[in-house]
Each structure stands twice: as C-alpha cells, then as structure tokens.
Amino acid sequence: MAATKETKDTKDTKDTTEKKEGSSAKGFRPLGDRVFVTYTEELERTAGGIYVPDSAREKPQRGTIEAAGADVENVKVGDQVLFDKYSGTKIKIENDDCLILKEEDILGIFEN
C-alpha cells in the first residue's frame, strides 16, 4: 500500500513542475526566451532606377512574432515589434525570410 502512495505523490509533483510550452509556426518552435519573427525585404531602388544590392541595404527592423518560446514574457504571437538591425539569426523557411531573436533584442512593440 505504501508503494502506491509514493507513486501517486510522485505523479502529483510532476504535474505541478511542468513548464508551459511555447507556440510554433511553420513547423518551428523557438526554445527558451527566443521568438520567431517574419518580415519582408522589399527591393530598394534609387530615384534613378538602380536597385540596391543586399550587401549595401540595411536589414529590416520591423517584423511580426509568429511563435514564442516558453520563457518569453513581454511579447506574444501576432505582435508587431521593432528590433536592432544586426540582431538575431536569419533563416529561410518555405521561401519566407525569418529571424530567430532573443526577447532581450526586441526594442519595442508597435501599438495599433
């Protein structure tokens, strides 16, 4: 009878210590305090009609949070955020440009 009691107590402890899971998008779920952000890069053209190459163009600074890790506290999926030019890791999923950012790299949230 004592063995059954210990098993029940262990199960109760596991239920209370489970961490919340983060959200996922496009088959990707960020871990910890990371967020998954999508953005669009528009072709930049000068007034004279010359296209600016990627290497000379500034990185975008605004994006939409598509997924967030379990430890993210200040932003949520769907927020429009501002981030530093050189922060995060750029990846391409399903022909979309995406970024994986730490929550601390987000400078602010746009309110509509």
N, C-alpha and C. Protein backbone atom coordinates (compact mmCIF):
# COMPACT_ATOMS: atom_id res chain seq x y z
N MET A 1 0.82 -1.19 0.00
CA MET A 1 0.00 0.00 0.00
C MET A 1 0.86 1.26 0.00
N ALA A 2 1.99 1.21 0.68
CA ALA A 2 2.88 2.38 0.74
C ALA A 2 3.47 2.69 -0.63
N ALA A 3 3.74 1.67 -1.45
CA ALA A 3 4.31 1.89 -2.78
C ALA A 3 3.33 2.66 -3.66
N THR A 4 2.04 2.35 -3.55
CA THR A 4 1.03 3.06 -4.32
C THR A 4 0.97 4.53 -3.90
N LYS A 5 1.07 4.78 -2.63
CA LYS A 5 1.04 6.15 -2.12
C LYS A 5 2.21 6.96 -2.68
N GLU A 6 3.44 6.38 -2.70
CA GLU A 6 4.61 7.08 -3.21
C GLU A 6 4.45 7.40 -4.70
N THR A 7 3.90 6.47 -5.49
CA THR A 7 3.71 6.69 -6.92
C THR A 7 2.75 7.84 -7.15
N LYS A 8 1.67 7.91 -6.39
CA LYS A 8 0.71 8.98 -6.54
C LYS A 8 1.34 10.33 -6.20
N ASP A 9 2.11 10.38 -5.10
CA ASP A 9 2.77 11.63 -4.72
C ASP A 9 3.75 12.08 -5.80
N THR A 10 4.50 11.15 -6.41
CA THR A 10 5.45 11.47 -7.46
C THR A 10 4.73 12.03 -8.67
N LYS A 11 3.59 11.45 -9.02
CA LYS A 11 2.80 11.93 -10.15
C LYS A 11 2.30 13.35 -9.90
N ASP A 12 1.84 13.64 -8.69
CA ASP A 12 1.37 14.98 -8.35
C ASP A 12 2.49 16.00 -8.47
N THR A 13 3.70 15.62 -8.06
CA THR A 13 4.84 16.51 -8.16
C THR A 13 5.17 16.83 -9.61
N LYS A 14 5.12 15.83 -10.50
CA LYS A 14 5.40 16.04 -11.91
C LYS A 14 4.40 17.01 -12.54
N ASP A 15 3.12 16.89 -12.16
CA ASP A 15 2.09 17.76 -12.72
C ASP A 15 2.32 19.22 -12.36
N THR A 16 2.81 19.50 -11.16
CA THR A 16 2.98 20.89 -10.73
C THR A 16 4.27 21.50 -11.25
N THR A 17 5.24 20.67 -11.66
CA THR A 17 6.51 21.23 -12.12
C THR A 17 6.63 21.30 -13.63
N GLU A 18 5.60 20.93 -14.37
CA GLU A 18 5.67 21.00 -15.84
C GLU A 18 5.76 22.46 -16.27
N LYS A 19 6.61 22.73 -17.26
CA LYS A 19 6.75 24.08 -17.80
C LYS A 19 5.75 24.28 -18.92
N LYS A 20 5.35 25.52 -19.12
CA LYS A 20 4.47 25.80 -20.23
C LYS A 20 5.23 25.66 -21.54
N GLU A 21 4.56 25.25 -22.57
CA GLU A 21 5.19 25.11 -23.88
C GLU A 21 5.01 26.40 -24.67
N GLY A 22 5.98 26.69 -25.51
CA GLY A 22 5.88 27.86 -26.37
C GLY A 22 5.02 27.54 -27.58
N SER A 23 4.78 28.53 -28.39
CA SER A 23 3.99 28.35 -29.60
C SER A 23 4.91 28.00 -30.77
N SER A 24 4.33 27.51 -31.86
CA SER A 24 5.13 27.18 -33.03
C SER A 24 4.48 27.74 -34.28
N ALA A 25 5.31 27.94 -35.31
CA ALA A 25 4.85 28.43 -36.60
C ALA A 25 5.71 27.82 -37.67
N LYS A 26 5.09 27.44 -38.78
CA LYS A 26 5.80 26.86 -39.92
C LYS A 26 6.65 25.66 -39.51
N GLY A 27 6.18 24.92 -38.53
CA GLY A 27 6.91 23.75 -38.08
C GLY A 27 8.12 24.07 -37.22
N PHE A 28 8.22 25.28 -36.72
CA PHE A 28 9.37 25.70 -35.92
C PHE A 28 8.88 26.22 -34.57
N ARG A 29 9.48 25.72 -33.50
CA ARG A 29 9.14 26.17 -32.15
C ARG A 29 10.41 26.68 -31.47
N PRO A 30 10.49 27.99 -31.19
CA PRO A 30 11.68 28.53 -30.53
C PRO A 30 11.77 28.02 -29.09
N LEU A 31 12.99 27.91 -28.60
CA LEU A 31 13.22 27.45 -27.24
C LEU A 31 13.53 28.62 -26.32
N GLY A 32 13.27 28.44 -25.04
CA GLY A 32 13.64 29.41 -24.02
C GLY A 32 13.05 30.78 -24.25
N ASP A 33 13.92 31.78 -24.28
CA ASP A 33 13.48 33.18 -24.40
C ASP A 33 13.57 33.69 -25.84
N ARG A 34 13.52 32.80 -26.80
CA ARG A 34 13.64 33.19 -28.21
C ARG A 34 12.25 33.35 -28.85
N VAL A 35 12.20 34.21 -29.86
CA VAL A 35 10.98 34.41 -30.63
C VAL A 35 11.29 34.21 -32.11
N PHE A 36 10.29 33.81 -32.86
CA PHE A 36 10.38 33.56 -34.30
C PHE A 36 9.63 34.69 -34.99
N VAL A 37 10.35 35.48 -35.78
CA VAL A 37 9.79 36.70 -36.38
C VAL A 37 9.86 36.60 -37.90
N THR A 38 8.77 36.98 -38.57
CA THR A 38 8.78 37.06 -40.02
C THR A 38 8.80 38.53 -40.42
N TYR A 39 9.42 38.80 -41.55
CA TYR A 39 9.50 40.15 -42.09
C TYR A 39 9.61 40.03 -43.59
N THR A 40 9.42 41.15 -44.28
CA THR A 40 9.56 41.15 -45.73
C THR A 40 10.64 42.12 -46.12
N GLU A 41 11.49 41.69 -47.02
CA GLU A 41 12.50 42.58 -47.57
C GLU A 41 12.01 43.08 -48.91
N GLU A 42 11.86 44.37 -49.03
CA GLU A 42 11.41 44.94 -50.30
C GLU A 42 12.63 45.32 -51.12
N LEU A 43 12.51 45.22 -52.42
CA LEU A 43 13.60 45.64 -53.30
C LEU A 43 13.72 47.16 -53.21
N GLU A 44 14.90 47.60 -52.87
CA GLU A 44 15.13 49.04 -52.80
C GLU A 44 15.65 49.53 -54.13
N ARG A 45 15.11 50.65 -54.55
CA ARG A 45 15.52 51.24 -55.82
C ARG A 45 15.76 52.73 -55.61
N THR A 46 16.83 53.21 -56.15
CA THR A 46 17.12 54.64 -56.02
C THR A 46 16.20 55.43 -56.94
N ALA A 47 16.22 56.73 -56.80
CA ALA A 47 15.39 57.60 -57.65
C ALA A 47 15.76 57.45 -59.12
N GLY A 48 17.01 57.09 -59.40
CA GLY A 48 17.47 56.91 -60.78
C GLY A 48 17.14 55.54 -61.34
N GLY A 49 16.50 54.67 -60.55
CA GLY A 49 16.09 53.36 -61.03
C GLY A 49 17.10 52.26 -60.80
N ILE A 50 18.13 52.51 -60.02
CA ILE A 50 19.15 51.49 -59.74
C ILE A 50 18.74 50.70 -58.51
N TYR A 51 18.79 49.37 -58.62
CA TYR A 51 18.47 48.51 -57.48
C TYR A 51 19.67 48.42 -56.56
N VAL A 52 19.42 48.52 -55.26
CA VAL A 52 20.48 48.45 -54.26
C VAL A 52 20.70 46.98 -53.91
N PRO A 53 21.95 46.48 -53.98
CA PRO A 53 22.21 45.07 -53.66
C PRO A 53 22.01 44.78 -52.18
N ASP A 54 21.79 43.50 -51.86
CA ASP A 54 21.56 43.09 -50.47
C ASP A 54 22.69 43.52 -49.55
N SER A 55 23.91 43.43 -50.01
CA SER A 55 25.06 43.75 -49.16
C SER A 55 25.11 45.23 -48.78
N ALA A 56 24.52 46.09 -49.57
CA ALA A 56 24.54 47.52 -49.29
C ALA A 56 23.26 48.01 -48.61
N ARG A 57 22.30 47.14 -48.49
CA ARG A 57 21.00 47.51 -47.94
C ARG A 57 20.96 47.29 -46.44
N GLU A 58 20.22 48.14 -45.73
CA GLU A 58 20.04 47.95 -44.30
C GLU A 58 19.05 46.83 -44.06
N LYS A 59 19.28 46.07 -42.99
CA LYS A 59 18.37 44.99 -42.64
C LYS A 59 17.06 45.59 -42.11
N PRO A 60 15.96 44.90 -42.28
CA PRO A 60 14.69 45.40 -41.76
C PRO A 60 14.70 45.42 -40.24
N GLN A 61 13.92 46.29 -39.69
CA GLN A 61 13.88 46.42 -38.24
C GLN A 61 12.49 46.17 -37.67
N ARG A 62 11.55 45.80 -38.51
CA ARG A 62 10.18 45.59 -38.04
C ARG A 62 9.69 44.24 -38.52
N GLY A 63 9.02 43.50 -37.64
CA GLY A 63 8.51 42.20 -38.02
C GLY A 63 7.35 41.79 -37.14
N THR A 64 6.78 40.63 -37.45
CA THR A 64 5.65 40.08 -36.71
C THR A 64 6.09 38.81 -36.00
N ILE A 65 5.76 38.70 -34.74
CA ILE A 65 6.10 37.49 -33.99
C ILE A 65 5.14 36.38 -34.40
N GLU A 66 5.70 35.29 -34.89
CA GLU A 66 4.92 34.14 -35.34
C GLU A 66 4.88 33.03 -34.29
N ALA A 67 5.93 32.93 -33.47
CA ALA A 67 6.00 31.92 -32.42
C ALA A 67 6.91 32.43 -31.32
N ALA A 68 6.69 31.94 -30.10
CA ALA A 68 7.49 32.38 -28.96
C ALA A 68 7.83 31.19 -28.09
N GLY A 69 9.01 31.22 -27.50
CA GLY A 69 9.45 30.17 -26.60
C GLY A 69 8.69 30.24 -25.28
N ALA A 70 8.86 29.22 -24.46
CA ALA A 70 8.12 29.10 -23.20
C ALA A 70 8.50 30.18 -22.18
N ASP A 71 9.72 30.71 -22.27
CA ASP A 71 10.18 31.69 -21.28
C ASP A 71 9.95 33.14 -21.69
N VAL A 72 9.29 33.37 -22.80
CA VAL A 72 9.03 34.74 -23.28
C VAL A 72 7.88 35.32 -22.46
N GLU A 73 8.12 36.54 -21.92
CA GLU A 73 7.13 37.14 -21.03
C GLU A 73 6.49 38.41 -21.56
N ASN A 74 7.22 39.22 -22.33
CA ASN A 74 6.74 40.55 -22.67
C ASN A 74 6.07 40.70 -24.02
N VAL A 75 6.17 39.71 -24.89
CA VAL A 75 5.55 39.79 -26.21
C VAL A 75 4.73 38.53 -26.44
N LYS A 76 3.84 38.60 -27.44
CA LYS A 76 3.02 37.43 -27.75
C LYS A 76 2.91 37.29 -29.27
N VAL A 77 2.43 36.15 -29.71
CA VAL A 77 2.26 35.88 -31.13
C VAL A 77 1.33 36.94 -31.73
N GLY A 78 1.74 37.49 -32.88
CA GLY A 78 0.95 38.50 -33.56
C GLY A 78 1.41 39.92 -33.32
N ASP A 79 2.26 40.14 -32.31
CA ASP A 79 2.76 41.49 -32.03
C ASP A 79 3.68 41.97 -33.16
N GLN A 80 3.55 43.25 -33.52
CA GLN A 80 4.48 43.91 -34.43
C GLN A 80 5.58 44.49 -33.57
N VAL A 81 6.84 44.09 -33.83
CA VAL A 81 7.94 44.50 -32.97
C VAL A 81 9.04 45.21 -33.75
N LEU A 82 9.82 46.00 -33.04
CA LEU A 82 10.99 46.68 -33.56
C LEU A 82 12.21 45.99 -32.95
N PHE A 83 13.21 45.69 -33.79
CA PHE A 83 14.41 45.03 -33.30
C PHE A 83 15.63 45.68 -33.92
N ASP A 84 16.79 45.43 -33.32
CA ASP A 84 18.05 46.01 -33.78
C ASP A 84 18.42 45.43 -35.14
N LYS A 85 19.07 46.22 -35.97
CA LYS A 85 19.44 45.83 -37.33
C LYS A 85 20.23 44.52 -37.39
N TYR A 86 21.16 44.37 -36.48
CA TYR A 86 22.09 43.25 -36.58
C TYR A 86 21.82 42.14 -35.57
N SER A 87 20.64 42.10 -34.99
CA SER A 87 20.34 41.08 -34.00
C SER A 87 19.69 39.86 -34.66
N GLY A 88 19.78 38.76 -33.99
CA GLY A 88 19.10 37.55 -34.42
C GLY A 88 19.84 36.74 -35.46
N THR A 89 19.24 35.60 -35.77
CA THR A 89 19.76 34.68 -36.77
C THR A 89 18.76 34.60 -37.92
N LYS A 90 19.22 34.90 -39.12
CA LYS A 90 18.35 34.90 -40.29
C LYS A 90 18.25 33.49 -40.85
N ILE A 91 17.02 33.03 -41.10
CA ILE A 91 16.79 31.74 -41.73
C ILE A 91 15.70 31.90 -42.79
N LYS A 92 15.61 30.93 -43.68
CA LYS A 92 14.58 30.95 -44.72
C LYS A 92 13.76 29.66 -44.57
N ILE A 93 12.45 29.81 -44.36
CA ILE A 93 11.53 28.67 -44.24
C ILE A 93 10.39 28.89 -45.21
N GLU A 94 10.15 27.90 -46.05
CA GLU A 94 9.06 27.97 -47.05
C GLU A 94 9.16 29.25 -47.89
N ASN A 95 10.37 29.60 -48.32
CA ASN A 95 10.65 30.78 -49.13
C ASN A 95 10.32 32.10 -48.44
N ASP A 96 10.19 32.09 -47.12
CA ASP A 96 9.97 33.32 -46.36
C ASP A 96 11.21 33.61 -45.53
N ASP A 97 11.61 34.88 -45.49
CA ASP A 97 12.73 35.29 -44.65
C ASP A 97 12.24 35.42 -43.22
N CYS A 98 12.96 34.80 -42.30
CA CYS A 98 12.57 34.79 -40.90
C CYS A 98 13.78 35.09 -40.03
N LEU A 99 13.52 35.48 -38.79
CA LEU A 99 14.56 35.72 -37.81
C LEU A 99 14.24 34.98 -36.53
N ILE A 100 15.28 34.51 -35.87
CA ILE A 100 15.15 33.98 -34.53
C ILE A 100 15.86 34.98 -33.63
N LEU A 101 15.11 35.60 -32.73
CA LEU A 101 15.64 36.64 -31.86
C LEU A 101 15.51 36.24 -30.40
N LYS A 102 16.41 36.75 -29.56
CA LYS A 102 16.22 36.67 -28.13
C LYS A 102 15.22 37.77 -27.75
N GLU A 103 14.45 37.51 -26.73
CA GLU A 103 13.47 38.51 -26.30
C GLU A 103 14.15 39.83 -25.94
N GLU A 104 15.35 39.77 -25.39
CA GLU A 104 16.06 40.99 -25.00
C GLU A 104 16.50 41.84 -26.19
N ASP A 105 16.54 41.25 -27.41
CA ASP A 105 16.91 42.01 -28.61
C ASP A 105 15.74 42.81 -29.17
N ILE A 106 14.55 42.60 -28.68
CA ILE A 106 13.38 43.34 -29.13
C ILE A 106 13.37 44.70 -28.42
N LEU A 107 13.31 45.75 -29.23
CA LEU A 107 13.39 47.10 -28.69
C LEU A 107 12.04 47.64 -28.25
N GLY A 108 10.97 47.19 -28.89
CA GLY A 108 9.65 47.68 -28.53
C GLY A 108 8.56 47.02 -29.33
N ILE A 109 7.32 47.30 -28.95
CA ILE A 109 6.14 46.74 -29.60
C ILE A 109 5.34 47.89 -30.20
N PHE A 110 4.94 47.75 -31.47
CA PHE A 110 4.08 48.75 -32.10
C PHE A 110 2.65 48.54 -31.64
N GLU A 111 2.00 49.60 -31.23
CA GLU A 111 0.59 49.52 -30.83
C GLU A 111 -0.25 50.14 -31.92
N ASN A 112 -1.26 49.39 -32.38
CA ASN A 112 -2.12 49.88 -33.46
C ASN A 112 -3.40 50.43 -32.91
